N, C-alpha and C. Protein backbone atom coordinates (compact mmCIF):
# COMPACT_ATOMS: atom_id res chain seq x y z
N MET A 1 -35.88 -18.45 -6.08
CA MET A 1 -35.83 -17.01 -6.24
C MET A 1 -36.96 -16.37 -5.44
N ASN A 2 -36.63 -15.37 -4.68
CA ASN A 2 -37.61 -14.66 -3.89
C ASN A 2 -38.14 -13.48 -4.70
N CYS A 3 -39.44 -13.44 -4.93
CA CYS A 3 -40.06 -12.41 -5.76
C CYS A 3 -39.99 -11.03 -5.13
N PHE A 4 -39.82 -10.96 -3.83
CA PHE A 4 -39.92 -9.69 -3.13
C PHE A 4 -38.58 -9.02 -2.91
N GLU A 5 -37.52 -9.52 -3.49
CA GLU A 5 -36.21 -8.92 -3.30
C GLU A 5 -35.93 -7.80 -4.29
N SER A 6 -36.64 -7.75 -5.40
CA SER A 6 -36.42 -6.70 -6.40
C SER A 6 -37.75 -6.12 -6.82
N ARG A 7 -37.67 -4.96 -7.51
CA ARG A 7 -38.89 -4.32 -8.01
C ARG A 7 -39.53 -5.19 -9.08
N ILE A 8 -40.85 -5.15 -9.13
CA ILE A 8 -41.56 -5.92 -10.13
C ILE A 8 -41.67 -5.10 -11.41
N SER A 9 -41.43 -5.73 -12.54
CA SER A 9 -41.50 -5.03 -13.82
C SER A 9 -42.94 -5.04 -14.33
N TYR A 10 -43.21 -4.23 -15.35
CA TYR A 10 -44.54 -4.15 -15.92
C TYR A 10 -45.00 -5.49 -16.50
N PRO A 11 -44.17 -6.23 -17.24
CA PRO A 11 -44.61 -7.55 -17.73
C PRO A 11 -44.91 -8.53 -16.59
N GLN A 12 -44.13 -8.47 -15.52
CA GLN A 12 -44.42 -9.34 -14.38
C GLN A 12 -45.75 -8.95 -13.73
N PHE A 13 -46.02 -7.65 -13.64
CA PHE A 13 -47.28 -7.18 -13.09
C PHE A 13 -48.45 -7.68 -13.93
N LEU A 14 -48.32 -7.61 -15.24
CA LEU A 14 -49.37 -8.08 -16.14
C LEU A 14 -49.58 -9.59 -16.00
N LYS A 15 -48.51 -10.31 -15.71
CA LYS A 15 -48.62 -11.75 -15.54
C LYS A 15 -49.56 -12.10 -14.39
N TYR A 16 -49.59 -11.27 -13.37
CA TYR A 16 -50.49 -11.50 -12.24
C TYR A 16 -51.85 -10.85 -12.45
N LEU A 17 -51.90 -9.77 -13.22
CA LEU A 17 -53.13 -9.03 -13.41
C LEU A 17 -54.07 -9.68 -14.42
N VAL A 18 -53.55 -10.15 -15.53
CA VAL A 18 -54.36 -10.65 -16.64
C VAL A 18 -55.27 -11.82 -16.24
N PRO A 19 -54.81 -12.82 -15.50
CA PRO A 19 -55.74 -13.90 -15.13
C PRO A 19 -56.95 -13.43 -14.33
N SER A 20 -56.75 -12.48 -13.43
CA SER A 20 -57.87 -11.97 -12.64
C SER A 20 -58.87 -11.23 -13.52
N VAL A 21 -58.38 -10.41 -14.41
CA VAL A 21 -59.26 -9.65 -15.28
C VAL A 21 -60.01 -10.59 -16.22
N LEU A 22 -59.31 -11.57 -16.78
CA LEU A 22 -59.97 -12.53 -17.67
C LEU A 22 -61.03 -13.35 -16.94
N THR A 23 -60.78 -13.69 -15.70
CA THR A 23 -61.77 -14.43 -14.92
C THR A 23 -63.05 -13.62 -14.77
N MET A 24 -62.92 -12.33 -14.45
CA MET A 24 -64.10 -11.48 -14.30
C MET A 24 -64.84 -11.32 -15.63
N ILE A 25 -64.10 -11.16 -16.72
CA ILE A 25 -64.73 -11.00 -18.04
C ILE A 25 -65.49 -12.26 -18.42
N PHE A 26 -64.85 -13.43 -18.27
CA PHE A 26 -65.52 -14.67 -18.65
C PHE A 26 -66.70 -15.00 -17.73
N LEU A 27 -66.64 -14.60 -16.47
CA LEU A 27 -67.79 -14.79 -15.60
C LEU A 27 -68.97 -13.95 -16.09
N SER A 28 -68.70 -12.72 -16.51
CA SER A 28 -69.76 -11.87 -17.06
C SER A 28 -70.30 -12.46 -18.35
N PHE A 29 -69.43 -12.93 -19.23
CA PHE A 29 -69.87 -13.57 -20.48
C PHE A 29 -70.70 -14.80 -20.18
N TYR A 30 -70.28 -15.57 -19.20
CA TYR A 30 -70.99 -16.80 -18.85
C TYR A 30 -72.43 -16.48 -18.46
N THR A 31 -72.60 -15.48 -17.61
CA THR A 31 -73.93 -15.12 -17.15
C THR A 31 -74.79 -14.63 -18.31
N THR A 32 -74.22 -13.80 -19.17
CA THR A 32 -74.98 -13.25 -20.29
C THR A 32 -75.35 -14.33 -21.30
N ILE A 33 -74.38 -15.13 -21.67
CA ILE A 33 -74.62 -16.18 -22.67
C ILE A 33 -75.56 -17.25 -22.12
N ASP A 34 -75.40 -17.58 -20.86
CA ASP A 34 -76.28 -18.56 -20.23
C ASP A 34 -77.73 -18.08 -20.29
N GLY A 35 -77.94 -16.82 -19.93
CA GLY A 35 -79.29 -16.26 -19.99
C GLY A 35 -79.85 -16.26 -21.40
N PHE A 36 -78.99 -15.95 -22.37
CA PHE A 36 -79.46 -15.93 -23.77
C PHE A 36 -79.91 -17.31 -24.23
N PHE A 37 -79.06 -18.31 -24.04
CA PHE A 37 -79.40 -19.65 -24.52
C PHE A 37 -80.56 -20.27 -23.75
N VAL A 38 -80.62 -20.04 -22.46
CA VAL A 38 -81.72 -20.60 -21.68
C VAL A 38 -83.04 -19.97 -22.12
N SER A 39 -83.06 -18.67 -22.29
CA SER A 39 -84.32 -18.02 -22.71
C SER A 39 -84.71 -18.44 -24.12
N ARG A 40 -83.73 -18.66 -24.96
CA ARG A 40 -84.02 -19.02 -26.35
C ARG A 40 -84.50 -20.46 -26.48
N TYR A 41 -83.86 -21.38 -25.75
CA TYR A 41 -84.13 -22.80 -25.97
C TYR A 41 -84.90 -23.48 -24.83
N ALA A 42 -84.89 -22.92 -23.63
CA ALA A 42 -85.58 -23.58 -22.52
C ALA A 42 -86.84 -22.85 -22.08
N GLY A 43 -86.97 -21.60 -22.46
CA GLY A 43 -88.19 -20.88 -22.16
C GLY A 43 -88.07 -19.89 -21.01
N SER A 44 -89.16 -19.19 -20.79
CA SER A 44 -89.15 -18.12 -19.81
C SER A 44 -89.12 -18.64 -18.36
N ASP A 45 -89.69 -19.80 -18.12
CA ASP A 45 -89.66 -20.35 -16.76
C ASP A 45 -88.23 -20.68 -16.33
N ALA A 46 -87.46 -21.26 -17.24
CA ALA A 46 -86.06 -21.58 -16.93
C ALA A 46 -85.25 -20.31 -16.73
N LEU A 47 -85.52 -19.28 -17.54
CA LEU A 47 -84.82 -18.01 -17.38
C LEU A 47 -85.16 -17.37 -16.04
N ALA A 48 -86.42 -17.48 -15.62
CA ALA A 48 -86.82 -16.95 -14.32
C ALA A 48 -86.08 -17.68 -13.20
N GLY A 49 -85.92 -19.00 -13.34
CA GLY A 49 -85.18 -19.78 -12.35
C GLY A 49 -83.73 -19.33 -12.25
N ILE A 50 -83.12 -19.07 -13.40
CA ILE A 50 -81.72 -18.60 -13.40
C ILE A 50 -81.63 -17.23 -12.74
N ASN A 51 -82.59 -16.34 -13.03
CA ASN A 51 -82.55 -15.01 -12.45
C ASN A 51 -82.77 -15.03 -10.94
N ILE A 52 -83.43 -16.07 -10.43
CA ILE A 52 -83.58 -16.20 -8.98
C ILE A 52 -82.27 -16.66 -8.35
N VAL A 53 -81.53 -17.51 -9.04
CA VAL A 53 -80.31 -18.09 -8.49
C VAL A 53 -79.09 -17.18 -8.67
N ILE A 54 -79.06 -16.35 -9.69
CA ILE A 54 -77.89 -15.51 -9.98
C ILE A 54 -77.47 -14.64 -8.79
N PRO A 55 -78.37 -13.97 -8.07
CA PRO A 55 -77.91 -13.18 -6.92
C PRO A 55 -77.20 -14.03 -5.86
N VAL A 56 -77.68 -15.24 -5.65
CA VAL A 56 -77.03 -16.13 -4.68
C VAL A 56 -75.62 -16.46 -5.15
N THR A 57 -75.50 -16.75 -6.44
CA THR A 57 -74.18 -17.04 -7.01
C THR A 57 -73.26 -15.83 -6.87
N CYS A 58 -73.80 -14.64 -7.11
CA CYS A 58 -72.98 -13.43 -6.99
C CYS A 58 -72.52 -13.19 -5.56
N VAL A 59 -73.38 -13.47 -4.59
CA VAL A 59 -72.99 -13.31 -3.18
C VAL A 59 -71.86 -14.28 -2.83
N ILE A 60 -71.99 -15.52 -3.27
CA ILE A 60 -70.95 -16.51 -3.00
C ILE A 60 -69.64 -16.10 -3.66
N PHE A 61 -69.72 -15.72 -4.94
CA PHE A 61 -68.52 -15.31 -5.66
C PHE A 61 -67.91 -14.06 -5.04
N GLY A 62 -68.75 -13.08 -4.69
CA GLY A 62 -68.25 -11.85 -4.08
C GLY A 62 -67.56 -12.09 -2.75
N THR A 63 -68.14 -12.98 -1.93
CA THR A 63 -67.53 -13.29 -0.64
C THR A 63 -66.18 -13.97 -0.82
N SER A 64 -66.11 -14.90 -1.74
CA SER A 64 -64.83 -15.59 -1.95
C SER A 64 -63.79 -14.66 -2.54
N VAL A 65 -64.18 -13.77 -3.45
CA VAL A 65 -63.22 -12.81 -4.01
C VAL A 65 -62.77 -11.83 -2.93
N MET A 66 -63.70 -11.40 -2.09
CA MET A 66 -63.35 -10.48 -1.01
C MET A 66 -62.31 -11.09 -0.08
N LEU A 67 -62.55 -12.32 0.35
CA LEU A 67 -61.61 -12.98 1.25
C LEU A 67 -60.28 -13.27 0.56
N ALA A 68 -60.34 -13.69 -0.69
CA ALA A 68 -59.11 -14.01 -1.41
C ALA A 68 -58.28 -12.75 -1.67
N THR A 69 -58.93 -11.66 -2.06
CA THR A 69 -58.20 -10.43 -2.35
C THR A 69 -57.62 -9.83 -1.07
N GLY A 70 -58.44 -9.72 -0.05
CA GLY A 70 -57.94 -9.18 1.22
C GLY A 70 -56.86 -10.05 1.83
N GLY A 71 -57.08 -11.36 1.80
CA GLY A 71 -56.08 -12.28 2.32
C GLY A 71 -54.79 -12.22 1.52
N GLY A 72 -54.92 -12.11 0.20
CA GLY A 72 -53.73 -12.00 -0.66
C GLY A 72 -52.93 -10.75 -0.37
N ALA A 73 -53.61 -9.64 -0.11
CA ALA A 73 -52.90 -8.39 0.22
C ALA A 73 -52.16 -8.52 1.54
N ILE A 74 -52.82 -9.10 2.53
CA ILE A 74 -52.17 -9.26 3.84
C ILE A 74 -51.01 -10.24 3.74
N ILE A 75 -51.23 -11.32 3.01
CA ILE A 75 -50.16 -12.31 2.84
C ILE A 75 -48.98 -11.68 2.11
N GLY A 76 -49.26 -10.90 1.07
CA GLY A 76 -48.18 -10.21 0.35
C GLY A 76 -47.40 -9.27 1.24
N GLU A 77 -48.11 -8.57 2.12
CA GLU A 77 -47.42 -7.68 3.06
C GLU A 77 -46.52 -8.47 4.00
N LYS A 78 -47.04 -9.59 4.52
CA LYS A 78 -46.23 -10.40 5.44
C LYS A 78 -45.02 -11.00 4.73
N LEU A 79 -45.21 -11.44 3.49
CA LEU A 79 -44.07 -11.98 2.74
C LEU A 79 -43.04 -10.89 2.47
N GLY A 80 -43.51 -9.66 2.20
CA GLY A 80 -42.59 -8.55 2.00
C GLY A 80 -41.81 -8.22 3.25
N GLN A 81 -42.38 -8.48 4.41
CA GLN A 81 -41.70 -8.27 5.69
C GLN A 81 -40.88 -9.50 6.09
N ARG A 82 -40.87 -10.50 5.22
CA ARG A 82 -40.15 -11.76 5.44
C ARG A 82 -40.69 -12.53 6.65
N LYS A 83 -41.99 -12.45 6.83
CA LYS A 83 -42.66 -13.18 7.91
C LYS A 83 -43.46 -14.32 7.28
N THR A 84 -42.74 -15.32 6.79
CA THR A 84 -43.39 -16.39 6.04
C THR A 84 -44.28 -17.24 6.94
N ARG A 85 -43.92 -17.39 8.19
CA ARG A 85 -44.76 -18.20 9.09
C ARG A 85 -46.12 -17.54 9.27
N GLU A 86 -46.13 -16.21 9.49
CA GLU A 86 -47.39 -15.51 9.64
C GLU A 86 -48.20 -15.55 8.34
N ALA A 87 -47.53 -15.43 7.21
CA ALA A 87 -48.20 -15.49 5.91
C ALA A 87 -48.85 -16.86 5.73
N ASN A 88 -48.15 -17.92 6.10
CA ASN A 88 -48.72 -19.27 6.00
C ASN A 88 -49.92 -19.43 6.93
N GLU A 89 -49.84 -18.86 8.13
CA GLU A 89 -50.95 -18.95 9.07
C GLU A 89 -52.18 -18.22 8.53
N ILE A 90 -51.97 -17.05 7.93
CA ILE A 90 -53.09 -16.29 7.37
C ILE A 90 -53.70 -17.05 6.20
N PHE A 91 -52.85 -17.63 5.35
CA PHE A 91 -53.37 -18.42 4.23
C PHE A 91 -54.20 -19.59 4.73
N THR A 92 -53.71 -20.28 5.75
CA THR A 92 -54.45 -21.40 6.32
C THR A 92 -55.78 -20.93 6.89
N PHE A 93 -55.76 -19.80 7.60
CA PHE A 93 -56.99 -19.27 8.18
C PHE A 93 -58.01 -18.91 7.11
N ILE A 94 -57.59 -18.23 6.06
CA ILE A 94 -58.51 -17.84 4.98
C ILE A 94 -59.08 -19.10 4.31
N THR A 95 -58.25 -20.10 4.10
CA THR A 95 -58.71 -21.34 3.49
C THR A 95 -59.75 -22.03 4.37
N ILE A 96 -59.50 -22.07 5.66
CA ILE A 96 -60.45 -22.71 6.58
C ILE A 96 -61.76 -21.91 6.62
N VAL A 97 -61.67 -20.59 6.64
CA VAL A 97 -62.88 -19.76 6.65
C VAL A 97 -63.71 -20.02 5.40
N LEU A 98 -63.06 -20.09 4.24
CA LEU A 98 -63.79 -20.36 3.00
C LEU A 98 -64.43 -21.75 3.02
N LEU A 99 -63.72 -22.73 3.55
CA LEU A 99 -64.29 -24.08 3.65
C LEU A 99 -65.49 -24.11 4.59
N VAL A 100 -65.37 -23.45 5.73
CA VAL A 100 -66.47 -23.42 6.69
C VAL A 100 -67.68 -22.70 6.09
N LEU A 101 -67.43 -21.56 5.43
CA LEU A 101 -68.54 -20.84 4.80
C LEU A 101 -69.21 -21.67 3.71
N SER A 102 -68.41 -22.41 2.95
CA SER A 102 -69.02 -23.23 1.90
C SER A 102 -69.85 -24.36 2.49
N VAL A 103 -69.36 -24.97 3.57
CA VAL A 103 -70.14 -26.03 4.22
C VAL A 103 -71.42 -25.46 4.82
N LEU A 104 -71.31 -24.30 5.51
CA LEU A 104 -72.49 -23.69 6.11
C LEU A 104 -73.50 -23.28 5.04
N PHE A 105 -73.02 -22.76 3.93
CA PHE A 105 -73.95 -22.37 2.86
C PHE A 105 -74.60 -23.61 2.24
N THR A 106 -73.83 -24.68 2.09
CA THR A 106 -74.40 -25.92 1.56
C THR A 106 -75.47 -26.45 2.50
N VAL A 107 -75.23 -26.38 3.81
CA VAL A 107 -76.22 -26.82 4.78
C VAL A 107 -77.46 -25.93 4.70
N ALA A 108 -77.24 -24.61 4.54
CA ALA A 108 -78.38 -23.69 4.44
C ALA A 108 -79.22 -24.01 3.21
N VAL A 109 -78.58 -24.32 2.10
CA VAL A 109 -79.32 -24.70 0.89
C VAL A 109 -80.01 -26.04 1.12
N GLY A 110 -79.37 -26.93 1.86
CA GLY A 110 -79.98 -28.23 2.16
C GLY A 110 -81.21 -28.10 3.04
N LEU A 111 -81.32 -27.00 3.77
CA LEU A 111 -82.48 -26.75 4.61
C LEU A 111 -83.65 -26.18 3.80
N ASP A 112 -83.56 -26.31 2.51
CA ASP A 112 -84.59 -25.75 1.63
C ASP A 112 -85.97 -26.34 1.91
N THR A 113 -86.03 -27.50 2.53
CA THR A 113 -87.34 -28.06 2.86
C THR A 113 -88.08 -27.16 3.85
N PHE A 114 -87.32 -26.39 4.65
CA PHE A 114 -87.93 -25.45 5.58
C PHE A 114 -88.04 -24.06 4.97
N GLY A 115 -87.56 -23.90 3.78
CA GLY A 115 -87.55 -22.60 3.12
C GLY A 115 -86.15 -22.05 3.09
N PHE A 116 -85.70 -21.64 1.94
CA PHE A 116 -84.32 -21.17 1.76
C PHE A 116 -84.03 -19.97 2.65
N THR A 117 -84.95 -19.04 2.75
CA THR A 117 -84.69 -17.84 3.53
C THR A 117 -84.50 -18.15 5.01
N LYS A 118 -85.22 -19.16 5.51
CA LYS A 118 -85.03 -19.54 6.92
C LYS A 118 -83.65 -20.12 7.13
N GLY A 119 -83.15 -20.89 6.16
CA GLY A 119 -81.81 -21.46 6.27
C GLY A 119 -80.74 -20.38 6.26
N VAL A 120 -80.89 -19.39 5.37
CA VAL A 120 -79.93 -18.29 5.30
C VAL A 120 -80.02 -17.45 6.56
N ALA A 121 -81.22 -17.21 7.05
CA ALA A 121 -81.38 -16.44 8.28
C ALA A 121 -80.71 -17.15 9.45
N ALA A 122 -80.89 -18.47 9.53
CA ALA A 122 -80.26 -19.24 10.61
C ALA A 122 -78.74 -19.17 10.48
N LEU A 123 -78.24 -19.23 9.27
CA LEU A 123 -76.80 -19.12 9.05
C LEU A 123 -76.28 -17.76 9.50
N CYS A 124 -77.00 -16.70 9.17
CA CYS A 124 -76.58 -15.35 9.56
C CYS A 124 -76.61 -15.19 11.08
N VAL A 125 -77.63 -15.71 11.72
CA VAL A 125 -77.72 -15.64 13.18
C VAL A 125 -76.55 -16.41 13.81
N PHE A 126 -76.28 -17.61 13.29
CA PHE A 126 -75.18 -18.40 13.81
C PHE A 126 -73.85 -17.67 13.65
N ALA A 127 -73.61 -17.09 12.47
CA ALA A 127 -72.36 -16.37 12.22
C ALA A 127 -72.26 -15.15 13.13
N GLY A 128 -73.37 -14.43 13.31
CA GLY A 128 -73.35 -13.26 14.18
C GLY A 128 -73.07 -13.61 15.63
N VAL A 129 -73.70 -14.66 16.12
CA VAL A 129 -73.46 -15.10 17.50
C VAL A 129 -72.01 -15.56 17.67
N TRP A 130 -71.49 -16.28 16.69
CA TRP A 130 -70.11 -16.75 16.77
C TRP A 130 -69.14 -15.57 16.79
N LEU A 131 -69.36 -14.56 15.93
CA LEU A 131 -68.47 -13.41 15.90
C LEU A 131 -68.52 -12.62 17.20
N VAL A 132 -69.72 -12.48 17.77
CA VAL A 132 -69.86 -11.74 19.03
C VAL A 132 -69.15 -12.47 20.16
N THR A 133 -69.27 -13.80 20.20
CA THR A 133 -68.63 -14.54 21.28
C THR A 133 -67.12 -14.60 21.12
N LYS A 134 -66.61 -14.48 19.89
CA LYS A 134 -65.18 -14.55 19.67
C LYS A 134 -64.49 -13.19 19.76
N SER A 135 -65.26 -12.11 19.64
CA SER A 135 -64.64 -10.78 19.67
C SER A 135 -64.42 -10.33 21.11
N LYS A 136 -63.43 -9.48 21.28
CA LYS A 136 -63.12 -8.97 22.61
C LYS A 136 -63.77 -7.61 22.79
N SER A 137 -64.22 -7.35 24.01
CA SER A 137 -64.83 -6.06 24.30
C SER A 137 -63.73 -5.02 24.49
N ARG A 138 -64.12 -3.76 24.47
CA ARG A 138 -63.18 -2.67 24.67
C ARG A 138 -62.51 -2.80 26.04
N ALA A 139 -63.27 -3.22 27.06
CA ALA A 139 -62.72 -3.38 28.41
C ALA A 139 -61.66 -4.47 28.43
N GLN A 140 -61.91 -5.57 27.71
CA GLN A 140 -60.91 -6.64 27.67
C GLN A 140 -59.64 -6.17 26.99
N LEU A 141 -59.78 -5.42 25.89
CA LEU A 141 -58.60 -4.92 25.19
C LEU A 141 -57.81 -3.95 26.06
N ASP A 142 -58.53 -3.06 26.79
CA ASP A 142 -57.84 -2.12 27.68
C ASP A 142 -57.13 -2.85 28.81
N ALA A 143 -57.75 -3.92 29.34
CA ALA A 143 -57.12 -4.70 30.41
C ALA A 143 -55.84 -5.37 29.90
N GLU A 144 -55.88 -5.90 28.68
CA GLU A 144 -54.69 -6.52 28.11
C GLU A 144 -53.59 -5.48 27.88
N ARG A 145 -53.96 -4.30 27.42
CA ARG A 145 -52.97 -3.24 27.21
C ARG A 145 -52.37 -2.78 28.53
N ALA A 146 -53.21 -2.68 29.56
CA ALA A 146 -52.72 -2.27 30.88
C ALA A 146 -51.74 -3.30 31.42
N ALA A 147 -52.04 -4.57 31.19
CA ALA A 147 -51.14 -5.64 31.66
C ALA A 147 -49.82 -5.59 30.90
N ALA A 148 -49.86 -5.11 29.65
CA ALA A 148 -48.64 -5.02 28.86
C ALA A 148 -47.90 -3.71 29.09
N GLY A 149 -48.47 -2.84 29.93
CA GLY A 149 -47.80 -1.58 30.27
C GLY A 149 -48.09 -0.47 29.29
N GLN A 150 -49.13 -0.57 28.50
CA GLN A 150 -49.50 0.47 27.55
C GLN A 150 -50.69 1.24 28.08
N ALA A 151 -50.82 2.47 27.63
CA ALA A 151 -51.98 3.27 28.03
C ALA A 151 -53.23 2.73 27.37
N PRO A 152 -54.36 2.70 28.09
CA PRO A 152 -55.60 2.20 27.48
C PRO A 152 -56.00 3.05 26.27
N GLY A 153 -56.45 2.38 25.24
CA GLY A 153 -56.90 3.07 24.03
C GLY A 153 -55.80 3.36 23.03
N ASN A 154 -54.55 3.26 23.43
CA ASN A 154 -53.45 3.49 22.49
C ASN A 154 -53.06 2.18 21.83
N ARG A 155 -52.77 2.27 20.57
CA ARG A 155 -52.35 1.08 19.85
C ARG A 155 -50.85 0.90 20.00
N PRO A 156 -50.39 -0.34 20.08
CA PRO A 156 -48.94 -0.56 20.18
C PRO A 156 -48.27 -0.15 18.87
N ARG A 157 -47.09 0.38 19.00
CA ARG A 157 -46.34 0.80 17.81
C ARG A 157 -45.50 -0.34 17.29
N ALA A 158 -45.45 -0.45 15.95
CA ALA A 158 -44.69 -1.55 15.34
C ALA A 158 -43.23 -1.21 15.26
C-alpha cells in the first residue's frame, strides 16, 4: 500500500507525531532526572561534569534532529512526486553525512589530549574547507546555465 495515494487521517497523523513528541519529552526528563540523582548521590563535582557535557550532547542531538527532520521532509516530497530513486539517494546521503559527522566528532573527542576545543576547532576548519571546495561559485553556476541555454541568474522552472 502506498501511503501517498490518499489523504492522511488524524489518527494516522498522530501515529507519526506521538513518537517524536515522546522522544523529546523523555530526553528532557532524562536530563532533569540525571542531574537530580547525580547531584544528590554523586556530589557537586559530578554535577559540574554533567553540566559541562550537556551542551555537547545537545549540539549532537540538535544536529542529528536537524538533518533527520530536513531530510525527512525532502524525502517525503520526493515520495509524493513518485521519485523513489531520488528519495533513496537523499536518504543514503543523509545517512552517510550523519555517519561522517559522528566519526569526525569521535575523532575530535579523541584529540582531547591536545584539548577538546582544539579538536572541535580543527573539525570546524576541516568542514569549512571541505564545503568551500565542494560548492560552486556564482560564475560556475552562470556558465552551466549559459551552456544549458538559460539566462544567467534565472532558476530553471520545474
